[in-house]
Protein backbone atom coordinates (compact mmCIF):
# COMPACT_ATOMS: atom_id res chain seq x y z
CA UNK A 1 99.27 115.73 100.50
CA UNK A 2 101.30 113.25 98.49
CA UNK A 3 104.97 113.63 97.72
CA UNK A 4 104.22 112.38 94.19
CA UNK A 5 101.50 113.22 91.63
CA UNK A 6 97.99 111.87 91.73
CA UNK A 7 96.93 109.45 89.02
CA UNK A 8 95.20 110.85 85.94
CA UNK A 9 91.99 108.84 86.40
CA UNK A 10 91.38 106.63 89.44
CA UNK A 11 88.63 104.76 87.58
CA UNK A 12 91.19 103.43 85.09
CA UNK A 13 93.73 102.18 87.65
CA UNK A 14 94.22 98.47 87.04
CA UNK A 15 93.03 98.51 83.42
CA UNK A 16 96.44 99.08 81.80
CA UNK A 17 98.46 96.29 80.23
CA UNK A 18 101.37 94.75 82.10
CA UNK A 19 103.33 94.72 78.84
CA UNK A 20 105.00 97.94 77.85
CA UNK A 21 108.14 99.98 77.98
CA UNK A 22 110.33 100.36 81.02
CA UNK A 23 112.01 103.67 81.77
CA UNK A 24 113.35 106.24 79.38
CA UNK A 25 112.08 109.25 77.56
CA UNK A 26 113.16 111.83 80.16
CA UNK A 27 109.67 113.41 80.31
CA UNK A 28 106.31 112.57 81.80
CA UNK A 29 102.83 113.88 81.12
CA UNK A 30 100.54 111.88 83.42
CA UNK A 31 100.76 109.20 86.08
CA UNK A 32 98.33 106.40 85.26
CA UNK A 33 98.88 104.16 88.30
CA UNK A 34 101.46 103.03 90.84
CA UNK A 35 102.56 99.39 90.73
CA UNK A 36 104.26 97.03 93.12
CA UNK A 37 105.78 93.95 91.49
CA UNK A 38 105.81 90.70 93.47
CA UNK A 39 108.36 87.91 93.01
CA UNK A 40 107.58 84.42 94.41
CA UNK A 41 111.24 83.31 94.43
CA UNK A 42 111.94 86.30 96.72
CA UNK A 43 109.14 85.42 99.15
CA UNK A 44 105.92 86.78 97.62
CA UNK A 45 102.96 84.38 97.69
CA UNK A 46 102.89 82.15 94.62
CA UNK A 47 99.50 83.05 93.13
CA UNK A 48 100.54 83.02 89.46
CA UNK A 49 102.17 79.60 89.01
CA UNK A 50 105.63 80.94 89.83
CA UNK A 51 105.35 84.01 87.59
CA UNK A 52 105.87 87.55 88.78
CA UNK A 53 102.74 89.68 89.20
CA UNK A 54 101.84 93.14 90.45
CA UNK A 55 99.29 95.08 92.44
CA UNK A 56 98.06 98.52 91.41
CA UNK A 57 97.39 101.59 93.53
CA UNK A 58 96.06 105.07 92.94
CA UNK A 59 98.59 106.66 95.30
CA UNK A 60 102.30 106.31 95.90
CA UNK A 61 101.81 106.13 99.66
CA UNK A 62 99.47 103.12 99.40
CA UNK A 63 101.91 101.37 97.07
CA UNK A 64 104.85 102.09 99.36
CA UNK A 65 102.95 100.85 102.42
CA UNK A 66 102.09 97.60 100.59
CA UNK A 67 105.68 97.06 99.42
CA UNK A 68 107.05 97.60 102.93
CA UNK A 69 104.59 95.16 104.53
CA UNK A 70 104.87 92.30 102.03
CA UNK A 71 107.89 90.08 101.41
CA UNK A 72 109.13 89.50 97.88
CA UNK A 73 108.01 92.89 96.57
CA UNK A 74 109.85 95.69 94.78
CA UNK A 75 109.68 99.38 95.55
CA UNK A 76 106.72 101.03 93.80
CA UNK A 77 106.96 102.02 90.15
CA UNK A 78 104.90 104.65 88.36
CA UNK A 79 103.11 103.80 85.14
CA UNK A 80 103.30 107.01 83.16
CA UNK A 81 101.95 108.35 79.90
CA UNK A 82 104.20 110.27 77.54
CA UNK A 83 102.48 112.23 74.77
CA UNK A 84 105.92 112.91 73.30
CA UNK A 85 109.38 112.39 74.68
CA UNK A 86 113.13 112.62 74.16
CA UNK A 87 114.96 109.43 73.22
CA UNK A 88 118.71 109.00 73.62
CA UNK A 89 119.65 106.15 71.25
CA UNK A 90 123.33 106.71 72.01
CA UNK A 91 125.05 108.84 74.66
CA UNK A 92 124.59 112.55 73.93
CA UNK A 93 122.43 112.02 70.82
CA UNK A 94 118.88 113.15 71.52
CA UNK A 95 115.83 112.59 69.31
CA UNK A 96 112.39 114.17 69.73
CA UNK A 97 109.78 111.41 69.46
CA UNK A 98 106.26 112.65 68.73
CA UNK A 99 104.46 109.47 69.66
CA UNK A 100 102.37 108.51 72.65
CA UNK A 101 103.60 105.68 74.85
CA UNK A 102 103.08 104.21 78.29
CA UNK A 103 106.08 103.17 80.35
CA UNK A 104 107.06 102.18 83.88
CA UNK A 105 109.38 104.53 85.74
CA UNK A 106 111.12 104.58 89.08
CA UNK A 107 108.93 106.88 91.17
CA UNK A 108 111.86 109.18 92.00
CA UNK A 109 111.87 110.30 88.33
CA UNK A 110 108.55 112.05 89.03
CA UNK A 111 110.48 114.65 91.00
CA UNK A 112 111.39 116.06 87.58
CA UNK A 113 108.95 118.70 86.40
CA UNK A 114 106.01 117.56 84.29
CA UNK A 115 106.46 118.27 80.57
CA UNK A 116 104.99 121.58 79.42
CA UNK A 117 104.70 123.26 76.02
CA UNK A 118 108.23 124.71 76.29
CA UNK A 119 110.19 121.76 77.67
CA UNK A 120 111.13 120.06 74.40
CA UNK A 121 111.62 123.25 72.32
CA UNK A 122 113.84 124.65 75.09
CA UNK A 123 115.82 121.41 75.24
CA UNK A 124 116.58 121.47 71.50
CA UNK A 125 117.08 125.25 71.31
CA UNK A 126 120.50 126.53 70.17
CA UNK A 127 120.37 128.69 73.31
CA UNK A 128 120.03 125.70 75.65
CA UNK A 129 122.59 125.43 78.44
CA UNK A 130 125.67 123.27 77.87
CA UNK A 131 124.04 120.59 80.02
CA UNK A 132 120.62 120.35 78.35
CA UNK A 133 119.46 117.87 80.96
CA UNK A 134 119.20 120.75 83.44
CA UNK A 135 116.09 121.83 81.53
CA UNK A 136 114.46 118.43 82.14
CA UNK A 137 115.43 118.53 85.79
CA UNK A 138 113.86 121.96 86.23
CA UNK A 139 117.23 123.59 86.92
CA UNK A 140 117.44 125.83 83.83
């Protein structure tokens, strides 16, 4: 059993664009794939004319194993799908964004509970705890 979620559809792993958002949004709906970025200047093989590149995996454990065994690699990242999310354009100002996006996250963020139908309404509720982020962390 994996410490982190399974990917939404193993058949689609490797079909997602490298371009996209990085981090943010506080919430996740699905994990699309796990990625390990490789950097030739840091010791990864130069297979892309000096550019960075990545490998994709359908499990965190496979990605972690690859990153540990290969020089010039980063820790695994999760490519996630957000159906809607919470933006924080400035500290303490939160905005509900009702727009689908795909973004890369540090895998440790997946320890937060997956978004459900109540997560965002509870977060913006006048009855939310003083530290609203506890809702997103599964503590409230």
